[in-house]
Protein backbone atom coordinates (compact mmCIF):
# COMPACT_ATOMS: atom_id res chain seq x y z
CA UNK A 1 28.45 -41.38 6.63
CA UNK A 2 25.34 -39.12 7.35
CA UNK A 3 25.67 -37.53 10.67
CA UNK A 4 23.31 -34.73 12.49
CA UNK A 5 25.55 -31.79 13.43
CA UNK A 6 25.23 -28.20 14.13
CA UNK A 7 27.91 -25.45 13.55
CA UNK A 8 26.38 -22.50 15.38
CA UNK A 9 24.02 -22.26 18.41
CA UNK A 10 20.30 -21.48 17.82
CA UNK A 11 16.86 -22.94 17.20
CA UNK A 12 16.30 -26.02 15.48
CA UNK A 13 16.89 -24.48 12.10
CA UNK A 14 20.79 -24.73 12.73
CA UNK A 15 20.75 -28.59 12.60
CA UNK A 16 22.16 -30.21 9.45
CA UNK A 17 22.90 -33.66 7.98
CA UNK A 18 26.30 -33.79 6.99
CA UNK A 19 28.99 -36.40 5.63
CA UNK A 20 31.59 -37.08 8.21
CA UNK A 21 34.49 -39.59 8.17
CA UNK A 22 33.80 -43.07 9.66
CA UNK A 23 34.57 -43.85 13.15
CA UNK A 24 36.25 -46.91 14.28
CA UNK A 25 36.30 -48.54 17.78
CA UNK A 26 38.96 -48.71 20.27
CA UNK A 27 40.02 -51.36 22.68
CA UNK A 28 36.84 -52.82 24.21
CA UNK A 29 34.39 -50.94 22.01
CA UNK A 30 32.32 -51.77 19.21
CA UNK A 31 30.87 -49.81 16.19
CA UNK A 32 27.23 -50.24 15.29
CA UNK A 33 25.46 -49.94 12.02
CA UNK A 34 22.77 -47.50 13.80
CA UNK A 35 19.11 -48.26 13.23
CA UNK A 36 17.77 -45.75 16.03
CA UNK A 37 19.22 -43.08 18.18
CA UNK A 38 17.78 -41.36 21.18
CA UNK A 39 16.98 -37.66 21.57
CA UNK A 40 17.32 -36.20 25.12
CA UNK A 41 16.96 -32.64 26.50
CA UNK A 42 20.80 -32.23 26.70
CA UNK A 43 20.65 -32.36 22.71
CA UNK A 44 18.69 -29.18 22.49
CA UNK A 45 20.34 -27.48 25.46
CA UNK A 46 23.80 -28.10 23.54
CA UNK A 47 22.50 -26.70 20.32
CA UNK A 48 21.15 -23.73 22.13
CA UNK A 49 24.62 -23.13 23.43
CA UNK A 50 23.49 -23.67 27.13
CA UNK A 51 26.26 -26.26 28.09
CA UNK A 52 29.39 -24.80 27.11
CA UNK A 53 29.98 -26.98 23.85
CA UNK A 54 32.69 -26.52 21.37
CA UNK A 55 31.48 -25.94 17.48
CA UNK A 56 30.81 -27.75 15.44
CA UNK A 57 29.10 -30.33 17.43
CA UNK A 58 27.61 -33.88 16.58
CA UNK A 59 24.78 -35.21 18.69
CA UNK A 60 23.55 -38.45 20.65
CA UNK A 61 24.70 -40.47 23.43
CA UNK A 62 22.47 -43.60 22.92
CA UNK A 63 21.75 -45.91 20.04
CA UNK A 64 20.63 -49.33 19.00
CA UNK A 65 21.86 -51.08 15.83
CA UNK A 66 23.92 -53.95 14.34
CA UNK A 67 27.50 -54.68 15.31
CA UNK A 68 29.76 -54.30 12.11
CA UNK A 69 33.39 -53.72 13.65
CA UNK A 70 34.98 -54.95 16.95
CA UNK A 71 37.70 -53.14 18.92
CA UNK A 72 40.61 -55.20 20.23
CA UNK A 73 39.75 -57.34 23.20
CA UNK A 74 36.21 -57.59 22.34
CA UNK A 75 34.83 -61.21 22.88
CA UNK A 76 31.41 -60.93 24.14
CA UNK A 77 29.51 -60.05 20.84
CA UNK A 78 30.46 -60.74 17.34
CA UNK A 79 29.79 -58.80 14.15
CA UNK A 80 25.92 -59.09 13.23
CA UNK A 81 24.65 -59.15 16.79
CA UNK A 82 21.96 -56.49 17.58
CA UNK A 83 23.14 -54.22 20.60
CA UNK A 84 22.23 -50.97 22.33
CA UNK A 85 24.27 -48.67 24.53
CA UNK A 86 26.28 -45.57 25.10
CA UNK A 87 28.05 -43.69 22.34
CA UNK A 88 31.90 -43.31 23.28
CA UNK A 89 31.05 -39.51 22.28
CA UNK A 90 28.18 -37.36 21.52
CA UNK A 91 27.94 -38.89 18.13
CA UNK A 92 25.07 -41.53 17.98
CA UNK A 93 22.86 -39.71 15.70
CA UNK A 94 24.68 -40.84 12.59
CA UNK A 95 24.69 -43.93 10.13
CA UNK A 96 27.61 -45.29 12.29
CA UNK A 97 28.53 -44.90 16.18
CA UNK A 98 30.97 -46.38 18.38
CA UNK A 99 29.71 -47.71 21.59
CA UNK A 100 31.87 -47.75 24.86
CA UNK A 101 29.38 -49.69 26.67
CA UNK A 102 26.57 -51.90 25.30
CA UNK A 103 24.36 -54.78 25.79
CA UNK A 104 22.30 -57.30 23.82
CA UNK A 105 18.87 -55.88 22.98
CA UNK A 106 16.22 -57.96 24.82
CA UNK A 107 14.67 -60.25 22.48
CA UNK A 108 11.04 -58.41 23.03
CA UNK A 109 12.40 -55.08 21.86
CA UNK A 110 12.84 -53.27 18.35
CA UNK A 111 15.58 -50.93 17.72
CA UNK A 112 13.60 -47.72 18.52
CA UNK A 113 12.65 -49.23 21.69
CA UNK A 114 16.27 -50.31 22.63
CA UNK A 115 17.51 -46.90 21.67
CA UNK A 116 15.21 -45.17 24.05
CA UNK A 117 16.86 -47.10 27.14
CA UNK A 118 20.43 -46.18 28.06
CA UNK A 119 20.10 -42.54 29.12
CA UNK A 120 16.62 -43.13 31.13
CA UNK A 121 17.55 -46.31 33.06
CA UNK A 122 21.11 -45.22 33.76
CA UNK A 123 19.91 -42.04 35.40
CA UNK A 124 17.22 -43.64 37.18
CA UNK A 125 19.53 -46.65 38.57
CA UNK A 126 22.21 -44.18 39.46
CA UNK A 127 19.75 -42.02 41.61
CA UNK A 128 18.54 -44.98 43.37
CA UNK A 129 21.91 -46.17 43.98
CA UNK A 130 23.22 -42.88 45.37
CA UNK A 131 19.94 -42.63 47.54
CA UNK A 132 20.36 -46.13 48.81
CA UNK A 133 17.10 -47.43 47.88
CA UNK A 134 16.49 -50.97 49.00
CA UNK A 135 13.78 -53.51 50.05
CA UNK A 136 11.56 -52.00 52.83
CA UNK A 137 12.26 -48.53 51.90
CA UNK A 138 9.43 -46.01 51.24
CA UNK A 139 10.62 -43.88 48.42
CA UNK A 140 8.60 -40.70 47.13
CA UNK A 141 9.36 -39.74 43.41
CA UNK A 142 8.32 -36.38 42.01
CA UNK A 143 7.68 -36.73 38.47
CA UNK A 144 6.60 -40.52 38.27
CA UNK A 145 5.17 -40.51 35.09
CA UNK A 146 7.86 -39.07 32.88
CA UNK A 147 10.36 -41.58 31.08
CA UNK A 148 13.07 -41.32 34.10
CA UNK A 149 10.41 -41.21 36.80
CA UNK A 150 8.44 -44.19 35.36
CA UNK A 151 11.89 -46.04 35.23
CA UNK A 152 12.95 -45.04 38.83
CA UNK A 153 9.48 -46.36 39.97
CA UNK A 154 9.89 -49.82 38.48
CA UNK A 155 13.46 -50.05 39.25
CA UNK A 156 12.72 -49.17 42.95
CA UNK A 157 9.69 -51.57 42.91
CA UNK A 158 11.87 -54.46 41.69
CA UNK A 159 14.12 -53.84 44.69
CA UNK A 160 11.41 -54.24 47.15
CA UNK A 161 10.56 -50.58 47.80
CA UNK A 162 7.39 -48.91 48.56
CA UNK A 163 6.79 -45.98 46.11
CA UNK A 164 4.64 -42.97 46.05
CA UNK A 165 4.81 -41.10 43.11
CA UNK A 166 3.55 -37.56 41.92
CA UNK A 167 1.72 -37.15 38.68
CA UNK A 168 -1.13 -35.34 37.13
CA UNK A 169 -4.47 -36.62 37.67
CA UNK A 170 -4.65 -38.11 34.06
CA UNK A 171 -1.32 -40.10 34.66
CA UNK A 172 -2.43 -41.67 37.84
CA UNK A 173 -3.80 -45.00 36.35
CA UNK A 174 -0.36 -45.33 34.48
CA UNK A 175 1.57 -44.41 37.71
CA UNK A 176 -0.37 -47.19 39.52
CA UNK A 177 -0.03 -49.71 36.65
CA UNK A 178 3.87 -49.39 37.25
CA UNK A 179 3.51 -50.32 41.15
CA UNK A 180 3.33 -46.85 42.77
CA UNK A 181 0.62 -45.26 44.81
CA UNK A 182 -0.02 -42.05 42.80
CA UNK A 183 -0.76 -38.63 44.51
CA UNK A 184 -1.40 -35.24 42.67
CA UNK A 185 1.66 -32.76 42.54
CA UNK A 186 1.06 -29.06 43.33
CA UNK A 187 -0.71 -27.46 46.50
CA UNK A 188 -1.67 -29.97 49.09
CA UNK A 189 1.10 -32.42 48.26
CA UNK A 190 2.33 -32.84 51.70
CA UNK A 191 -1.27 -33.61 52.99
CA UNK A 192 -1.83 -36.32 50.10
CA UNK A 193 1.70 -38.00 50.92
CA UNK A 194 0.90 -38.00 54.70
CA UNK A 195 -2.54 -39.69 53.89
CA UNK A 196 -0.76 -42.77 52.65
CA UNK A 197 2.39 -42.33 54.89
CA UNK A 198 1.65 -40.67 58.06
CA UNK A 199 5.01 -40.71 59.36
CA UNK A 200 6.47 -39.36 56.13
CA UNK A 201 8.86 -41.36 53.71
CA UNK A 202 12.42 -42.62 54.17
CA UNK A 203 13.62 -41.35 50.83
CA UNK A 204 12.78 -38.86 48.17
CA UNK A 205 13.91 -38.41 44.45
CA UNK A 206 12.93 -35.34 42.46
CA UNK A 207 13.19 -36.20 38.56
CA UNK A 208 10.66 -33.05 37.63
CA UNK A 209 12.67 -30.01 38.95
CA UNK A 210 9.17 -28.49 39.88
CA UNK A 211 10.66 -26.46 42.82
CA UNK A 212 9.11 -28.65 45.55
CA UNK A 213 12.45 -29.54 47.25
CA UNK A 214 11.27 -28.07 50.82
CA UNK A 215 8.34 -30.18 50.57
CA UNK A 216 10.25 -33.31 49.92
CA UNK A 217 12.87 -32.40 52.56
CA UNK A 218 10.02 -32.27 55.10
CA UNK A 219 8.31 -35.39 54.17
CA UNK A 220 11.60 -37.32 53.93
CA UNK A 221 12.93 -36.00 57.60
CA UNK A 222 15.95 -33.99 56.07
CA UNK A 223 17.97 -32.91 53.02
CA UNK A 224 20.34 -35.93 53.53
CA UNK A 225 17.46 -38.06 52.33
CA UNK A 226 16.55 -36.25 49.28
CA UNK A 227 18.29 -36.39 45.86
CA UNK A 228 17.51 -34.52 42.56
CA UNK A 229 18.58 -34.98 39.11
CA UNK A 230 16.48 -31.94 37.80
CA UNK A 231 16.98 -28.87 39.97
CA UNK A 232 20.67 -27.84 40.39
CA UNK A 233 19.88 -24.42 41.72
CA UNK A 234 17.47 -25.76 44.30
CA UNK A 235 20.12 -28.45 45.36
CA UNK A 236 22.56 -25.71 46.15
CA UNK A 237 19.77 -23.43 47.98
CA UNK A 238 18.71 -26.47 49.97
CA UNK A 239 21.63 -28.48 50.48
CA UNK A 240 20.30 -31.34 48.65
CA UNK A 241 22.51 -33.92 46.62
CA UNK A 242 22.19 -33.41 42.84
CA UNK A 243 23.20 -36.33 40.77
CA UNK A 244 24.60 -35.96 37.15
CA UNK A 245 26.58 -38.48 35.16
CA UNK A 246 29.92 -37.27 35.91
CA UNK A 247 29.44 -38.17 39.42
CA UNK A 248 29.68 -42.06 38.73
CA UNK A 249 27.33 -43.58 36.15
CA UNK A 250 25.28 -46.78 36.75
CA UNK A 251 26.40 -48.33 33.63
CA UNK A 252 25.33 -51.81 34.97
CA UNK A 253 21.77 -51.00 34.36
CA UNK A 254 22.21 -51.92 30.70
CA UNK A 255 23.47 -55.37 31.53
CA UNK A 256 20.44 -55.83 34.06
CA UNK A 257 17.34 -54.25 32.03
CA UNK A 258 16.91 -57.20 29.79
CA UNK A 259 16.11 -59.78 32.68
CA UNK A 260 13.46 -57.20 33.93
CA UNK A 261 11.82 -56.49 30.56
CA UNK A 262 11.61 -60.19 29.54
CA UNK A 263 10.04 -61.30 33.01
CA UNK A 264 7.49 -58.64 32.70
CA UNK A 265 8.81 -56.48 35.67
CA UNK A 266 9.83 -53.31 33.51
CA UNK A 267 7.56 -51.60 30.81
CA UNK A 268 9.91 -49.56 28.31
CA UNK A 269 8.73 -45.89 27.85
CA UNK A 270 6.62 -45.20 24.92
CA UNK A 271 8.55 -44.27 21.91
CA UNK A 272 7.92 -41.62 19.24
CA UNK A 273 10.25 -41.97 16.24
CA UNK A 274 11.27 -39.36 13.59
CA UNK A 275 13.41 -40.11 10.51
CA UNK A 276 16.91 -38.53 10.78
CA UNK A 277 15.98 -35.83 8.08
CA UNK A 278 13.21 -34.65 10.44
CA UNK A 279 15.59 -34.18 13.51
CA UNK A 280 14.59 -30.28 13.77
CA UNK A 281 11.00 -31.48 14.57
CA UNK A 282 12.11 -33.95 17.15
CA UNK A 283 14.25 -31.28 18.98
CA UNK A 284 10.96 -28.77 18.88
CA UNK A 285 8.81 -31.91 20.37
CA UNK A 286 11.81 -32.32 22.98
CA UNK A 287 11.76 -28.75 23.85
CA UNK A 288 7.99 -28.42 24.41
CA UNK A 289 8.47 -31.21 26.97
CA UNK A 290 4.99 -32.39 26.31
CA UNK A 291 5.73 -36.04 25.23
CA UNK A 292 5.60 -38.52 28.34
CA UNK A 293 7.91 -40.97 26.57
CA UNK A 294 11.05 -41.12 24.62
CA UNK A 295 12.02 -39.45 21.34
CA UNK A 296 14.11 -41.46 18.82
CA UNK A 297 15.70 -40.90 15.42
CA UNK A 298 15.29 -43.59 12.91
CA UNK A 299 18.64 -44.25 10.78
CA UNK A 300 19.73 -46.66 8.21
């Protein structure tokens, strides 16, 4: 099967499409014929050698496609079902992939839109779970217009929270359409937030990593009410919780997202798709960080 891989660290030029043996599912897993696979910042960080990966390295943690082989004990799907989910290993950007966690693709979504969901919604829900966001909470989200931020806004609103979200002025209408009250990030943020919430907020979530943890701590009344998924150094410096996947994944989000999408309470991120052969260009766009939505590779 064709799969994306790199055998040395470096720029997008080290990426290659190679032929690898077909994978097979273990107990409780399914194999899919991949139609689309997500591209995430962790891909180019791995490629550049920033995450202590061994070589050679395949890529991709999220995919959508058609079930073509079942592992022992799987009874909730059948061969031919369209599903999306999380790859058992970093090997989703291939013609075949084994999913350890999966869910039916919501009827209104195509394969690229479904492949864009797993990492985004898992990160957003994990952060909200760890913060304890619930009905009646007032939550400040720093970076509300990006893929993870916009997902966090919508999940928080669905829980009954009031959400204030930072974004550039050009994205205020978008953030507002998701159910949040937008404020402009940068100088004057504290003043802008207090104009909406004079007593501050209950909780704050940083998904942008833009160096404003001190302001979030002040607005939320203490570091214990703040969580970041993007500023590891700042979290250590200011005693703020840092959430990462190995601290307990919120994989229940995959099973829950379909009902929210079909009821009109969740708008999936905008998708920009590239053929597998153009994976290097997808990495360049991801590394630039200018695309607000999600990048995916089209396969099969």
